[in-house]
Amino acid sequence: FAVAIGWADAELTVARLIDGILHRGDIT
């Protein structure tokens, strides 16, 4: 998982982090 708290562009940043760990599961 990825979580942003008090982070500018939180939504875009978390989406990019998840793209880096797609191997850890089978559904986003």
PDB file of all heavy atoms in Angstrom:
ATOM      1  N   PHE A   1       0.836  -1.194   0.000  1.00  0.00           N
ATOM      2  CA  PHE A   1       0.000   0.000   0.000  1.00  0.00           C
ATOM      3  C   PHE A   1       0.872   1.245   0.000  1.00  0.00           C
ATOM      4  O   PHE A   1       2.083   1.198   0.252  1.00  0.00           O
ATOM      5  CB  PHE A   1      -0.966   0.008   1.195  1.00  0.00           C
ATOM      6  CG  PHE A   1      -0.308   0.129   2.542  1.00  0.00           C
ATOM      7  CD1 PHE A   1       0.084   1.359   3.044  1.00  0.00           C
ATOM      8  CD2 PHE A   1      -0.098  -0.998   3.328  1.00  0.00           C
ATOM      9  CE1 PHE A   1       0.687   1.476   4.290  1.00  0.00           C
ATOM     10  CE2 PHE A   1       0.504  -0.908   4.572  1.00  0.00           C
ATOM     11  CZ  PHE A   1       0.897   0.341   5.062  1.00  0.00           C
ATOM     12  N   ALA A   2       0.212   2.368  -0.306  1.00  0.00           N
ATOM     13  CA  ALA A   2       0.864   3.667  -0.239  1.00  0.00           C
ATOM     14  C   ALA A   2      -0.117   4.648   0.383  1.00  0.00           C
ATOM     15  O   ALA A   2      -1.319   4.607   0.092  1.00  0.00           O
ATOM     16  CB  ALA A   2       1.278   4.134  -1.630  1.00  0.00           C
ATOM     17  N   VAL A   3       0.405   5.512   1.239  1.00  0.00           N
ATOM     18  CA  VAL A   3      -0.421   6.512   1.926  1.00  0.00           C
ATOM     19  C   VAL A   3       0.339   7.830   1.956  1.00  0.00           C
ATOM     20  O   VAL A   3       1.530   7.860   2.302  1.00  0.00           O
ATOM     21  CB  VAL A   3      -0.772   6.065   3.363  1.00  0.00           C
ATOM     22  CG1 VAL A   3      -1.487   7.187   4.111  1.00  0.00           C
ATOM     23  CG2 VAL A   3      -1.617   4.805   3.350  1.00  0.00           C
ATOM     24  N   ALA A   4      -0.355   8.898   1.601  1.00  0.00           N
ATOM     25  CA  ALA A   4       0.203  10.251   1.709  1.00  0.00           C
ATOM     26  C   ALA A   4      -0.615  11.041   2.712  1.00  0.00           C
ATOM     27  O   ALA A   4      -1.850  11.025   2.656  1.00  0.00           O
ATOM     28  CB  ALA A   4       0.179  10.943   0.349  1.00  0.00           C
ATOM     29  N   ILE A   5       0.062  11.724   3.626  1.00  0.00           N
ATOM     30  CA  ILE A   5      -0.616  12.515   4.647  1.00  0.00           C
ATOM     31  C   ILE A   5       0.012  13.907   4.680  1.00  0.00           C
ATOM     32  O   ILE A   5       1.223  14.044   4.898  1.00  0.00           O
ATOM     33  CB  ILE A   5      -0.514  11.833   6.027  1.00  0.00           C
ATOM     34  CG1 ILE A   5      -1.228  10.484   5.996  1.00  0.00           C
ATOM     35  CG2 ILE A   5      -1.084  12.732   7.118  1.00  0.00           C
ATOM     36  CD1 ILE A   5      -1.093   9.672   7.250  1.00  0.00           C
ATOM     37  N   GLY A   6      -0.816  14.930   4.428  1.00  0.00           N
ATOM     38  CA  GLY A   6      -0.305  16.293   4.393  1.00  0.00           C
ATOM     39  C   GLY A   6       0.643  16.527   3.239  1.00  0.00           C
ATOM     40  O   GLY A   6       1.510  17.401   3.313  1.00  0.00           O
ATOM     41  N   TRP A   7       0.478  15.761   2.162  1.00  0.00           N
ATOM     42  CA  TRP A   7       1.428  15.776   1.047  1.00  0.00           C
ATOM     43  C   TRP A   7       0.819  16.492  -0.161  1.00  0.00           C
ATOM     44  O   TRP A   7      -0.306  16.185  -0.567  1.00  0.00           O
ATOM     45  CB  TRP A   7       1.781  14.349   0.665  1.00  0.00           C
ATOM     46  CG  TRP A   7       3.057  14.229  -0.109  1.00  0.00           C
ATOM     47  CD1 TRP A   7       3.208  14.339  -1.460  1.00  0.00           C
ATOM     48  CD2 TRP A   7       4.362  14.001   0.416  1.00  0.00           C
ATOM     49  NE1 TRP A   7       4.536  14.188  -1.814  1.00  0.00           N
ATOM     50  CE2 TRP A   7       5.258  13.974  -0.676  1.00  0.00           C
ATOM     51  CE3 TRP A   7       4.856  13.806   1.708  1.00  0.00           C
ATOM     52  CZ2 TRP A   7       6.629  13.761  -0.511  1.00  0.00           C
ATOM     53  CZ3 TRP A   7       6.224  13.600   1.880  1.00  0.00           C
ATOM     54  CH2 TRP A   7       7.088  13.571   0.787  1.00  0.00           C
ATOM     55  N   ALA A   8       1.546  17.441  -0.720  1.00  0.00           N
ATOM     56  CA  ALA A   8       1.076  18.102  -1.931  1.00  0.00           C
ATOM     57  C   ALA A   8       0.948  17.080  -3.061  1.00  0.00           C
ATOM     58  O   ALA A   8       1.779  16.167  -3.174  1.00  0.00           O
ATOM     59  CB  ALA A   8       2.040  19.219  -2.325  1.00  0.00           C
ATOM     60  N   ASP A   9      -0.076  17.226  -3.907  1.00  0.00           N
ATOM     61  CA  ASP A   9      -0.330  16.263  -4.986  1.00  0.00           C
ATOM     62  C   ASP A   9      -0.434  14.842  -4.443  1.00  0.00           C
ATOM     63  O   ASP A   9       0.112  13.898  -5.015  1.00  0.00           O
ATOM     64  CB  ASP A   9       0.776  16.331  -6.054  1.00  0.00           C
ATOM     65  CG  ASP A   9       0.811  17.669  -6.762  1.00  0.00           C
ATOM     66  OD1 ASP A   9      -0.274  18.232  -7.017  1.00  0.00           O
ATOM     67  OD2 ASP A   9       1.921  18.151  -7.052  1.00  0.00           O
ATOM     68  N   ALA A  10      -1.135  14.695  -3.315  1.00  0.00           N
ATOM     69  CA  ALA A  10      -1.221  13.390  -2.651  1.00  0.00           C
ATOM     70  C   ALA A  10      -1.788  12.313  -3.568  1.00  0.00           C
ATOM     71  O   ALA A  10      -1.253  11.193  -3.640  1.00  0.00           O
ATOM     72  CB  ALA A  10      -2.081  13.509  -1.390  1.00  0.00           C
ATOM     73  N   GLU A  11      -2.858  12.630  -4.286  1.00  0.00           N
ATOM     74  CA  GLU A  11      -3.523  11.619  -5.117  1.00  0.00           C
ATOM     75  C   GLU A  11      -2.600  11.128  -6.221  1.00  0.00           C
ATOM     76  O   GLU A  11      -2.445   9.918  -6.428  1.00  0.00           O
ATOM     77  CB  GLU A  11      -4.809  12.203  -5.704  1.00  0.00           C
ATOM     78  CG  GLU A  11      -5.634  11.190  -6.474  1.00  0.00           C
ATOM     79  CD  GLU A  11      -6.991  11.757  -6.873  1.00  0.00           C
ATOM     80  OE1 GLU A  11      -7.324  12.875  -6.440  1.00  0.00           O
ATOM     81  OE2 GLU A  11      -7.713  11.069  -7.612  1.00  0.00           O
ATOM     82  N   LEU A  12      -1.974  12.037  -6.939  1.00  0.00           N
ATOM     83  CA  LEU A  12      -1.077  11.658  -8.027  1.00  0.00           C
ATOM     84  C   LEU A  12       0.135  10.907  -7.491  1.00  0.00           C
ATOM     85  O   LEU A  12       0.582   9.914  -8.078  1.00  0.00           O
ATOM     86  CB  LEU A  12      -0.630  12.900  -8.791  1.00  0.00           C
ATOM     87  CG  LEU A  12       0.395  12.673  -9.916  1.00  0.00           C
ATOM     88  CD1 LEU A  12      -0.185  11.745 -10.984  1.00  0.00           C
ATOM     89  CD2 LEU A  12       0.819  14.013 -10.528  1.00  0.00           C
ATOM     90  N   THR A  13       0.672  11.356  -6.373  1.00  0.00           N
ATOM     91  CA  THR A  13       1.861  10.716  -5.791  1.00  0.00           C
ATOM     92  C   THR A  13       1.570   9.284  -5.385  1.00  0.00           C
ATOM     93  O   THR A  13       2.349   8.370  -5.689  1.00  0.00           O
ATOM     94  CB  THR A  13       2.347  11.518  -4.561  1.00  0.00           C
ATOM     95  OG1 THR A  13       2.661  12.847  -4.966  1.00  0.00           O
ATOM     96  CG2 THR A  13       3.581  10.870  -3.952  1.00  0.00           C
ATOM     97  N   VAL A  14       0.456   9.047  -4.715  1.00  0.00           N
ATOM     98  CA  VAL A  14       0.106   7.698  -4.278  1.00  0.00           C
ATOM     99  C   VAL A  14      -0.152   6.791  -5.485  1.00  0.00           C
ATOM    100  O   VAL A  14       0.248   5.612  -5.492  1.00  0.00           O
ATOM    101  CB  VAL A  14      -1.111   7.735  -3.335  1.00  0.00           C
ATOM    102  CG1 VAL A  14      -1.709   6.345  -3.149  1.00  0.00           C
ATOM    103  CG2 VAL A  14      -0.688   8.303  -1.983  1.00  0.00           C
ATOM    104  N   ALA A  15      -0.807   7.313  -6.494  1.00  0.00           N
ATOM    105  CA  ALA A  15      -1.053   6.512  -7.702  1.00  0.00           C
ATOM    106  C   ALA A  15       0.260   6.057  -8.331  1.00  0.00           C
ATOM    107  O   ALA A  15       0.385   4.904  -8.777  1.00  0.00           O
ATOM    108  CB  ALA A  15      -1.878   7.313  -8.702  1.00  0.00           C
ATOM    109  N   ARG A  16       1.244   6.934  -8.352  1.00  0.00           N
ATOM    110  CA  ARG A  16       2.551   6.572  -8.923  1.00  0.00           C
ATOM    111  C   ARG A  16       3.275   5.558  -8.037  1.00  0.00           C
ATOM    112  O   ARG A  16       3.960   4.666  -8.542  1.00  0.00           O
ATOM    113  CB  ARG A  16       3.398   7.826  -9.107  1.00  0.00           C
ATOM    114  CG  ARG A  16       2.852   8.789 -10.173  1.00  0.00           C
ATOM    115  CD  ARG A  16       3.720  10.032 -10.274  1.00  0.00           C
ATOM    116  NE  ARG A  16       5.069   9.692 -10.707  1.00  0.00           N
ATOM    117  CZ  ARG A  16       6.106  10.538 -10.648  1.00  0.00           C
ATOM    118  NH1 ARG A  16       5.940  11.761 -10.135  1.00  0.00           N
ATOM    119  NH2 ARG A  16       7.304  10.168 -11.060  1.00  0.00           N
ATOM    120  N   LEU A  17       3.143   5.686  -6.728  1.00  0.00           N
ATOM    121  CA  LEU A  17       3.760   4.709  -5.824  1.00  0.00           C
ATOM    122  C   LEU A  17       3.166   3.320  -6.043  1.00  0.00           C
ATOM    123  O   LEU A  17       3.894   2.322  -6.078  1.00  0.00           O
ATOM    124  CB  LEU A  17       3.568   5.137  -4.369  1.00  0.00           C
ATOM    125  CG  LEU A  17       4.337   6.375  -3.897  1.00  0.00           C
ATOM    126  CD1 LEU A  17       3.927   6.741  -2.483  1.00  0.00           C
ATOM    127  CD2 LEU A  17       5.840   6.141  -3.966  1.00  0.00           C
ATOM    128  N   ILE A  18       1.854   3.242  -6.192  1.00  0.00           N
ATOM    129  CA  ILE A  18       1.206   1.949  -6.407  1.00  0.00           C
ATOM    130  C   ILE A  18       1.685   1.313  -7.697  1.00  0.00           C
ATOM    131  O   ILE A  18       1.868   0.087  -7.773  1.00  0.00           O
ATOM    132  CB  ILE A  18      -0.329   2.123  -6.415  1.00  0.00           C
ATOM    133  CG1 ILE A  18      -0.828   2.461  -5.006  1.00  0.00           C
ATOM    134  CG2 ILE A  18      -1.021   0.860  -6.931  1.00  0.00           C
ATOM    135  CD1 ILE A  18      -0.612   1.371  -3.976  1.00  0.00           C
ATOM    136  N   ASP A  19       1.944   2.113  -8.720  1.00  0.00           N
ATOM    137  CA  ASP A  19       2.467   1.567  -9.981  1.00  0.00           C
ATOM    138  C   ASP A  19       3.796   0.856  -9.772  1.00  0.00           C
ATOM    139  O   ASP A  19       4.162  -0.028 -10.561  1.00  0.00           O
ATOM    140  CB  ASP A  19       2.645   2.688 -11.008  1.00  0.00           C
ATOM    141  CG  ASP A  19       1.325   3.145 -11.611  1.00  0.00           C
ATOM    142  OD1 ASP A  19       0.331   2.398 -11.502  1.00  0.00           O
ATOM    143  OD2 ASP A  19       1.282   4.255 -12.188  1.00  0.00           O
ATOM    144  N   GLY A  20       4.515   1.224  -8.709  1.00  0.00           N
ATOM    145  CA  GLY A  20       5.811   0.599  -8.440  1.00  0.00           C
ATOM    146  C   GLY A  20       5.733  -0.682  -7.641  1.00  0.00           C
ATOM    147  O   GLY A  20       6.748  -1.365  -7.454  1.00  0.00           O
ATOM    148  N   ILE A  21       4.535  -1.054  -7.152  1.00  0.00           N
ATOM    149  CA  ILE A  21       4.393  -2.279  -6.364  1.00  0.00           C
ATOM    150  C   ILE A  21       3.265  -3.165  -6.891  1.00  0.00           C
ATOM    151  O   ILE A  21       2.626  -3.888  -6.123  1.00  0.00           O
ATOM    152  CB  ILE A  21       4.182  -1.971  -4.860  1.00  0.00           C
ATOM    153  CG1 ILE A  21       2.976  -1.041  -4.649  1.00  0.00           C
ATOM    154  CG2 ILE A  21       5.442  -1.387  -4.236  1.00  0.00           C
ATOM    155  CD1 ILE A  21       2.606  -0.858  -3.179  1.00  0.00           C
ATOM    156  N   LEU A  22       3.038  -3.133  -8.175  1.00  0.00           N
ATOM    157  CA  LEU A  22       1.967  -3.934  -8.755  1.00  0.00           C
ATOM    158  C   LEU A  22       2.187  -5.430  -8.546  1.00  0.00           C
ATOM    159  O   LEU A  22       1.224  -6.208  -8.495  1.00  0.00           O
ATOM    160  CB  LEU A  22       1.833  -3.633 -10.257  1.00  0.00           C
ATOM    161  CG  LEU A  22       1.376  -2.219 -10.615  1.00  0.00           C
ATOM    162  CD1 LEU A  22       1.284  -2.066 -12.131  1.00  0.00           C
ATOM    163  CD2 LEU A  22       0.045  -1.871  -9.956  1.00  0.00           C
ATOM    164  N   HIS A  23       3.450  -5.847  -8.404  1.00  0.00           N
ATOM    165  CA  HIS A  23       3.751  -7.271  -8.217  1.00  0.00           C
ATOM    166  C   HIS A  23       3.256  -7.795  -6.871  1.00  0.00           C
ATOM    167  O   HIS A  23       3.152  -9.010  -6.686  1.00  0.00           O
ATOM    168  CB  HIS A  23       5.257  -7.511  -8.317  1.00  0.00           C
ATOM    169  CG  HIS A  23       6.067  -6.587  -7.450  1.00  0.00           C
ATOM    170  ND1 HIS A  23       6.502  -5.350  -7.876  1.00  0.00           N
ATOM    171  CD2 HIS A  23       6.512  -6.707  -6.172  1.00  0.00           C
ATOM    172  CE1 HIS A  23       7.178  -4.749  -6.916  1.00  0.00           C
ATOM    173  NE2 HIS A  23       7.203  -5.556  -5.857  1.00  0.00           N
ATOM    174  N   ARG A  24       2.917  -6.914  -5.938  1.00  0.00           N
ATOM    175  CA  ARG A  24       2.549  -7.360  -4.595  1.00  0.00           C
ATOM    176  C   ARG A  24       1.096  -7.811  -4.485  1.00  0.00           C
ATOM    177  O   ARG A  24       0.653  -8.222  -3.405  1.00  0.00           O
ATOM    178  CB  ARG A  24       2.825  -6.252  -3.575  1.00  0.00           C
ATOM    179  CG  ARG A  24       4.305  -5.932  -3.417  1.00  0.00           C
ATOM    180  CD  ARG A  24       4.548  -4.941  -2.276  1.00  0.00           C
ATOM    181  NE  ARG A  24       4.323  -5.542  -0.974  1.00  0.00           N
ATOM    182  CZ  ARG A  24       5.267  -6.108  -0.218  1.00  0.00           C
ATOM    183  NH1 ARG A  24       6.520  -6.170  -0.664  1.00  0.00           N
ATOM    184  NH2 ARG A  24       4.964  -6.617   0.965  1.00  0.00           N
ATOM    185  N   GLY A  25       0.325  -7.747  -5.559  1.00  0.00           N
ATOM    186  CA  GLY A  25      -1.064  -8.174  -5.494  1.00  0.00           C
ATOM    187  C   GLY A  25      -1.633  -8.430  -6.864  1.00  0.00           C
ATOM    188  O   GLY A  25      -0.912  -8.417  -7.866  1.00  0.00           O
ATOM    189  N   ASP A  26      -2.937  -8.656  -6.920  1.00  0.00           N
ATOM    190  CA  ASP A  26      -3.568  -8.933  -8.204  1.00  0.00           C
ATOM    191  C   ASP A  26      -4.685  -7.955  -8.545  1.00  0.00           C
ATOM    192  O   ASP A  26      -5.332  -8.091  -9.586  1.00  0.00           O
ATOM    193  CB  ASP A  26      -4.089 -10.380  -8.253  1.00  0.00           C
ATOM    194  CG  ASP A  26      -5.012 -10.709  -7.085  1.00  0.00           C
ATOM    195  OD1 ASP A  26      -5.500  -9.781  -6.422  1.00  0.00           O
ATOM    196  OD2 ASP A  26      -5.243 -11.911  -6.843  1.00  0.00           O
ATOM    197  N   ILE A  27      -4.939  -6.982  -7.676  1.00  0.00           N
ATOM    198  CA  ILE A  27      -5.954  -5.981  -7.955  1.00  0.00           C
ATOM    199  C   ILE A  27      -5.584  -4.690  -7.246  1.00  0.00           C
ATOM    200  O   ILE A  27      -5.050  -4.712  -6.132  1.00  0.00           O
ATOM    201  CB  ILE A  27      -7.358  -6.466  -7.510  1.00  0.00           C
ATOM    202  CG1 ILE A  27      -8.439  -5.488  -7.976  1.00  0.00           C
ATOM    203  CG2 ILE A  27      -7.414  -6.648  -5.991  1.00  0.00           C
ATOM    204  CD1 ILE A  27      -9.848  -5.994  -7.731  1.00  0.00           C
ATOM    205  N   THR A  28      -5.836  -3.560  -7.918  1.00  0.00           N
ATOM    206  CA  THR A  28      -5.610  -2.267  -7.293  1.00  0.00           C
ATOM    207  C   THR A  28      -6.943  -1.719  -6.812  1.00  0.00           C
ATOM    208  O   THR A  28      -7.867  -1.518  -7.609  1.00  0.00           O
ATOM    209  CB  THR A  28      -4.966  -1.272  -8.277  1.00  0.00           C
ATOM    210  OG1 THR A  28      -3.699  -1.787  -8.707  1.00  0.00           O
ATOM    211  CG2 THR A  28      -4.752   0.083  -7.618  1.00  0.00           C
TER     212      THR A  28
END
